[in-house]
Amino acid sequence: MRCPFCGSEESNVKDTRPAEDNTSTRRRRECPSCGGRFTTFERIQLRDMIVIKGDEKRQPFSRDKVQNSLQIALRKRPVTQDRIDKTVSAIVRQLEATGENEIPSLKIGELVMKALAQLDTVAYIRYASVYKDFRDPTDFNDFLGEVQKLKEDGENTLTSIGLNKKKKA
């Protein structure tokens, strides 16, 4: 592993442990040349997935893009980084479980929407505003009306998207 500080080709592993709900391995490394310490992560990749965008362009799947989308939606919300990491891992596992090498970006967006609905309602609405391309305040009103209708439909529907959580007093 190349040292990020001095560029040396050698590094020594000082510590290894499972990370992210045992879906990756975290390694602490030390460079024998400069003494710098850094951390690397190893993840299992079952297949190379390609994302098919709305305009039919294809690009390699990026776990980091999913994570960044969640972090932007969850900015300043009470959700830990550990929960975000576990959610990203769950989304990637669901995508890999399909067995498909080419995945429509809409499928990824739907999985992110479901995950955000379970994590945080405000983040869910934030993400929806971009994902569903809200153009004016009436788009928000319409969407919030749908969310309210789901709340009124009952516990089973709400549980499936995570909107029935009570606020703590």
C-alpha atoms as a PDB file:
ATOM      1  CA  MET A   1       0.000   0.000   0.000  1.00  0.00           C
ATOM      2  CA  ARG A   2       1.477   3.346  -1.063  1.00  0.00           C
ATOM      3  CA  CYS A   3       2.108   5.837   1.765  1.00  0.00           C
ATOM      4  CA  PRO A   4      -0.103   8.930   1.326  1.00  0.00           C
ATOM      5  CA  PHE A   5       2.571  11.103   3.002  1.00  0.00           C
ATOM      6  CA  CYS A   6       5.851  10.236   1.268  1.00  0.00           C
ATOM      7  CA  GLY A   7       4.720   7.971  -1.600  1.00  0.00           C
ATOM      8  CA  SER A   8       6.775   4.985  -0.462  1.00  0.00           C
ATOM      9  CA  GLU A   9       5.572   1.666  -1.905  1.00  0.00           C
ATOM     10  CA  GLU A  10       5.919  -0.142   1.432  1.00  0.00           C
ATOM     11  CA  SER A  11       3.784  -0.012   4.582  1.00  0.00           C
ATOM     12  CA  ASN A  12       3.405  -2.263   7.604  1.00  0.00           C
ATOM     13  CA  VAL A  13       0.038  -3.356   8.994  1.00  0.00           C
ATOM     14  CA  LYS A  14      -0.108  -2.518  12.711  1.00  0.00           C
ATOM     15  CA  ASP A  15      -3.723  -3.436  13.494  1.00  0.00           C
ATOM     16  CA  THR A  16      -6.564  -5.219  11.684  1.00  0.00           C
ATOM     17  CA  ARG A  17     -10.203  -5.365  12.749  1.00  0.00           C
ATOM     18  CA  PRO A  18     -13.658  -5.725  11.234  1.00  0.00           C
ATOM     19  CA  ALA A  19     -15.528  -2.522  10.445  1.00  0.00           C
ATOM     20  CA  GLU A  20     -19.021  -1.477   9.292  1.00  0.00           C
ATOM     21  CA  ASP A  21     -21.010  -4.373  10.640  1.00  0.00           C
ATOM     22  CA  ASN A  22     -18.384  -6.922   9.487  1.00  0.00           C
ATOM     23  CA  THR A  23     -18.760  -5.905   5.840  1.00  0.00           C
ATOM     24  CA  SER A  24     -15.241  -4.489   5.591  1.00  0.00           C
ATOM     25  CA  THR A  25     -11.824  -4.733   7.207  1.00  0.00           C
ATOM     26  CA  ARG A  26     -10.090  -1.738   8.784  1.00  0.00           C
ATOM     27  CA  ARG A  27      -6.282  -1.738   8.799  1.00  0.00           C
ATOM     28  CA  ARG A  28      -3.972   0.690  10.603  1.00  0.00           C
ATOM     29  CA  ARG A  29      -0.707   1.000   8.693  1.00  0.00           C
ATOM     30  CA  GLU A  30       2.660   2.601   9.288  1.00  0.00           C
ATOM     31  CA  CYS A  31       5.191   3.692   6.684  1.00  0.00           C
ATOM     32  CA  PRO A  32       8.741   2.464   7.482  1.00  0.00           C
ATOM     33  CA  SER A  33      10.234   5.338   5.450  1.00  0.00           C
ATOM     34  CA  CYS A  34       8.587   8.386   7.038  1.00  0.00           C
ATOM     35  CA  GLY A  35       6.843   6.885  10.086  1.00  0.00           C
ATOM     36  CA  GLY A  36       3.439   8.181   8.964  1.00  0.00           C
ATOM     37  CA  ARG A  37       0.357   6.274  10.111  1.00  0.00           C
ATOM     38  CA  PHE A  38      -2.821   5.897   8.093  1.00  0.00           C
ATOM     39  CA  THR A  39      -5.955   3.753   7.883  1.00  0.00           C
ATOM     40  CA  THR A  40      -7.200   1.685   4.942  1.00  0.00           C
ATOM     41  CA  PHE A  41     -10.468  -0.196   4.426  1.00  0.00           C
ATOM     42  CA  GLU A  42     -11.062  -3.349   2.411  1.00  0.00           C
ATOM     43  CA  ARG A  43     -14.535  -4.276   1.152  1.00  0.00           C
ATOM     44  CA  ILE A  44     -15.794  -7.297  -0.700  1.00  0.00           C
ATOM     45  CA  GLN A  45     -16.971  -6.450  -4.183  1.00  0.00           C
ATOM     46  CA  LEU A  46     -19.037  -9.219  -5.710  1.00  0.00           C
ATOM     47  CA  ARG A  47     -19.230  -7.704  -9.180  1.00  0.00           C
ATOM     48  CA  ASP A  48     -18.558  -4.528 -11.077  1.00  0.00           C
ATOM     49  CA  MET A  49     -21.880  -2.747 -11.293  1.00  0.00           C
ATOM     50  CA  ILE A  50     -22.730  -0.170 -13.931  1.00  0.00           C
ATOM     51  CA  VAL A  51     -25.313   2.566 -13.315  1.00  0.00           C
ATOM     52  CA  ILE A  52     -27.645   3.420 -16.186  1.00  0.00           C
ATOM     53  CA  LYS A  53     -28.523   7.093 -15.906  1.00  0.00           C
ATOM     54  CA  GLY A  54     -31.791   8.647 -17.093  1.00  0.00           C
ATOM     55  CA  ASP A  55     -30.190   9.744 -20.379  1.00  0.00           C
ATOM     56  CA  GLU A  56     -28.987   6.129 -20.972  1.00  0.00           C
ATOM     57  CA  LYS A  57     -25.358   7.016 -20.186  1.00  0.00           C
ATOM     58  CA  ARG A  58     -23.493   4.369 -18.239  1.00  0.00           C
ATOM     59  CA  GLN A  59     -20.984   4.883 -15.472  1.00  0.00           C
ATOM     60  CA  PRO A  60     -19.368   2.679 -12.821  1.00  0.00           C
ATOM     61  CA  PHE A  61     -21.298   2.334  -9.567  1.00  0.00           C
ATOM     62  CA  SER A  62     -19.798   4.406  -6.758  1.00  0.00           C
ATOM     63  CA  ARG A  63     -20.457   3.532  -3.146  1.00  0.00           C
ATOM     64  CA  ASP A  64     -19.071   6.971  -2.273  1.00  0.00           C
ATOM     65  CA  LYS A  65     -21.830   8.712  -4.268  1.00  0.00           C
ATOM     66  CA  VAL A  66     -24.487   6.859  -2.274  1.00  0.00           C
ATOM     67  CA  GLN A  67     -22.733   7.772   0.973  1.00  0.00           C
ATOM     68  CA  ASN A  68     -22.360  11.433  -0.036  1.00  0.00           C
ATOM     69  CA  SER A  69     -26.055  11.632  -0.960  1.00  0.00           C
ATOM     70  CA  LEU A  70     -27.040  10.282   2.447  1.00  0.00           C
ATOM     71  CA  GLN A  71     -24.643  12.589   4.264  1.00  0.00           C
ATOM     72  CA  ILE A  72     -25.938  15.662   2.437  1.00  0.00           C
ATOM     73  CA  ALA A  73     -29.562  14.776   3.216  1.00  0.00           C
ATOM     74  CA  LEU A  74     -28.673  13.986   6.842  1.00  0.00           C
ATOM     75  CA  ARG A  75     -26.521  17.074   7.433  1.00  0.00           C
ATOM     76  CA  LYS A  76     -27.235  18.522  10.886  1.00  0.00           C
ATOM     77  CA  ARG A  77     -29.660  15.691  11.667  1.00  0.00           C
ATOM     78  CA  PRO A  78     -29.336  13.378  14.702  1.00  0.00           C
ATOM     79  CA  VAL A  79     -28.023  10.329  12.807  1.00  0.00           C
ATOM     80  CA  THR A  80     -24.589   8.891  13.605  1.00  0.00           C
ATOM     81  CA  GLN A  81     -21.926   8.190  11.002  1.00  0.00           C
ATOM     82  CA  ASP A  82     -22.061   4.533  12.018  1.00  0.00           C
ATOM     83  CA  ARG A  83     -25.766   4.339  11.066  1.00  0.00           C
ATOM     84  CA  ILE A  84     -25.015   6.044   7.752  1.00  0.00           C
ATOM     85  CA  ASP A  85     -22.219   3.537   7.028  1.00  0.00           C
ATOM     86  CA  LYS A  86     -24.473   0.595   7.880  1.00  0.00           C
ATOM     87  CA  THR A  87     -27.238   2.024   5.676  1.00  0.00           C
ATOM     88  CA  VAL A  88     -24.853   2.421   2.732  1.00  0.00           C
ATOM     89  CA  SER A  89     -23.654  -1.166   3.215  1.00  0.00           C
ATOM     90  CA  ALA A  90     -27.264  -2.381   3.282  1.00  0.00           C
ATOM     91  CA  ILE A  91     -28.094  -0.508   0.065  1.00  0.00           C
ATOM     92  CA  VAL A  92     -25.015  -1.928  -1.683  1.00  0.00           C
ATOM     93  CA  ARG A  93     -25.880  -5.457  -0.488  1.00  0.00           C
ATOM     94  CA  GLN A  94     -29.432  -5.052  -1.852  1.00  0.00           C
ATOM     95  CA  LEU A  95     -28.054  -3.935  -5.215  1.00  0.00           C
ATOM     96  CA  GLU A  96     -25.577  -6.812  -5.344  1.00  0.00           C
ATOM     97  CA  ALA A  97     -28.293  -9.283  -4.349  1.00  0.00           C
ATOM     98  CA  THR A  98     -30.233  -8.454  -7.517  1.00  0.00           C
ATOM     99  CA  GLY A  99     -27.538 -10.254  -9.493  1.00  0.00           C
ATOM    100  CA  GLU A 100     -27.669  -7.538 -12.128  1.00  0.00           C
ATOM    101  CA  ASN A 101     -24.507  -5.913 -13.478  1.00  0.00           C
ATOM    102  CA  GLU A 102     -26.414  -2.921 -14.842  1.00  0.00           C
ATOM    103  CA  ILE A 103     -28.626  -1.014 -12.432  1.00  0.00           C
ATOM    104  CA  PRO A 104     -30.912   1.909 -13.309  1.00  0.00           C
ATOM    105  CA  SER A 105     -30.144   5.031 -11.296  1.00  0.00           C
ATOM    106  CA  LEU A 106     -33.860   5.149 -10.410  1.00  0.00           C
ATOM    107  CA  LYS A 107     -33.494   1.859  -8.512  1.00  0.00           C
ATOM    108  CA  ILE A 108     -30.636   3.312  -6.466  1.00  0.00           C
ATOM    109  CA  GLY A 109     -32.657   6.470  -5.783  1.00  0.00           C
ATOM    110  CA  GLU A 110     -35.622   4.407  -4.576  1.00  0.00           C
ATOM    111  CA  LEU A 111     -33.430   2.423  -2.185  1.00  0.00           C
ATOM    112  CA  VAL A 112     -31.932   5.641  -0.814  1.00  0.00           C
ATOM    113  CA  MET A 113     -35.434   7.119  -0.388  1.00  0.00           C
ATOM    114  CA  LYS A 114     -36.603   4.049   1.572  1.00  0.00           C
ATOM    115  CA  ALA A 115     -33.504   4.134   3.754  1.00  0.00           C
ATOM    116  CA  LEU A 116     -33.894   7.845   4.497  1.00  0.00           C
ATOM    117  CA  ALA A 117     -37.571   7.393   5.355  1.00  0.00           C
ATOM    118  CA  GLN A 118     -36.477   4.924   8.029  1.00  0.00           C
ATOM    119  CA  LEU A 119     -33.580   7.056   9.289  1.00  0.00           C
ATOM    120  CA  ASP A 120     -35.017  10.585   9.403  1.00  0.00           C
ATOM    121  CA  THR A 121     -38.199  12.149   7.974  1.00  0.00           C
ATOM    122  CA  VAL A 122     -36.608  15.571   7.405  1.00  0.00           C
ATOM    123  CA  ALA A 123     -33.706  14.016   5.480  1.00  0.00           C
ATOM    124  CA  TYR A 124     -36.239  11.970   3.504  1.00  0.00           C
ATOM    125  CA  ILE A 125     -38.026  15.166   2.454  1.00  0.00           C
ATOM    126  CA  ARG A 126     -34.721  16.918   1.671  1.00  0.00           C
ATOM    127  CA  TYR A 127     -33.602  14.077  -0.570  1.00  0.00           C
ATOM    128  CA  ALA A 128     -37.020  13.838  -2.215  1.00  0.00           C
ATOM    129  CA  SER A 129     -36.873  17.526  -3.121  1.00  0.00           C
ATOM    130  CA  VAL A 130     -33.798  16.869  -5.255  1.00  0.00           C
ATOM    131  CA  TYR A 131     -34.612  13.327  -6.384  1.00  0.00           C
ATOM    132  CA  LYS A 132     -38.129  14.251  -7.494  1.00  0.00           C
ATOM    133  CA  ASP A 133     -36.873  17.589  -8.893  1.00  0.00           C
ATOM    134  CA  PHE A 134     -39.164  19.950  -6.988  1.00  0.00           C
ATOM    135  CA  ARG A 135     -39.489  23.199  -8.958  1.00  0.00           C
ATOM    136  CA  ASP A 136     -41.615  25.381  -6.679  1.00  0.00           C
ATOM    137  CA  PRO A 137     -43.291  25.397  -3.245  1.00  0.00           C
ATOM    138  CA  THR A 138     -46.386  23.614  -4.550  1.00  0.00           C
ATOM    139  CA  ASP A 139     -44.215  20.560  -5.262  1.00  0.00           C
ATOM    140  CA  PHE A 140     -43.277  20.520  -1.585  1.00  0.00           C
ATOM    141  CA  ASN A 141     -46.902  20.927  -0.560  1.00  0.00           C
ATOM    142  CA  ASP A 142     -47.989  18.058  -2.798  1.00  0.00           C
ATOM    143  CA  PHE A 143     -45.248  15.788  -1.449  1.00  0.00           C
ATOM    144  CA  LEU A 144     -45.941  16.723   2.173  1.00  0.00           C
ATOM    145  CA  GLY A 145     -49.598  15.975   1.475  1.00  0.00           C
ATOM    146  CA  GLU A 146     -48.583  12.480   0.337  1.00  0.00           C
ATOM    147  CA  VAL A 147     -46.504  12.019   3.500  1.00  0.00           C
ATOM    148  CA  GLN A 148     -49.434  13.211   5.638  1.00  0.00           C
ATOM    149  CA  LYS A 149     -51.801  10.859   3.795  1.00  0.00           C
ATOM    150  CA  LEU A 150     -49.474   7.959   4.558  1.00  0.00           C
ATOM    151  CA  LYS A 151     -49.550   8.938   8.228  1.00  0.00           C
ATOM    152  CA  GLU A 152     -53.346   8.941   8.182  1.00  0.00           C
ATOM    153  CA  ASP A 153     -53.541   5.563   6.372  1.00  0.00           C
ATOM    154  CA  GLY A 154     -52.256   3.748   9.421  1.00  0.00           C
ATOM    155  CA  GLU A 155     -49.370   2.116  11.179  1.00  0.00           C
ATOM    156  CA  ASN A 156     -48.625  -0.652   8.616  1.00  0.00           C
ATOM    157  CA  THR A 157     -48.008   1.784   5.775  1.00  0.00           C
ATOM    158  CA  LEU A 158     -46.027   4.085   8.032  1.00  0.00           C
ATOM    159  CA  THR A 159     -43.848   1.320   9.376  1.00  0.00           C
ATOM    160  CA  SER A 160     -42.891   0.308   5.843  1.00  0.00           C
ATOM    161  CA  ILE A 161     -41.426   3.760   5.182  1.00  0.00           C
ATOM    162  CA  GLY A 162     -40.499   4.665   8.756  1.00  0.00           C
ATOM    163  CA  LEU A 163     -42.766   7.675   9.283  1.00  0.00           C
ATOM    164  CA  ASN A 164     -44.566   6.504  12.425  1.00  0.00           C
ATOM    165  CA  LYS A 165     -41.770   7.242  14.861  1.00  0.00           C
ATOM    166  CA  LYS A 166     -42.945   9.294  17.807  1.00  0.00           C
ATOM    167  CA  LYS A 167     -40.937  12.309  18.909  1.00  0.00           C
ATOM    168  CA  LYS A 168     -39.413  11.996  22.342  1.00  0.00           C
ATOM    169  CA  ALA A 169     -40.702  14.486  24.877  1.00  0.00           C
END
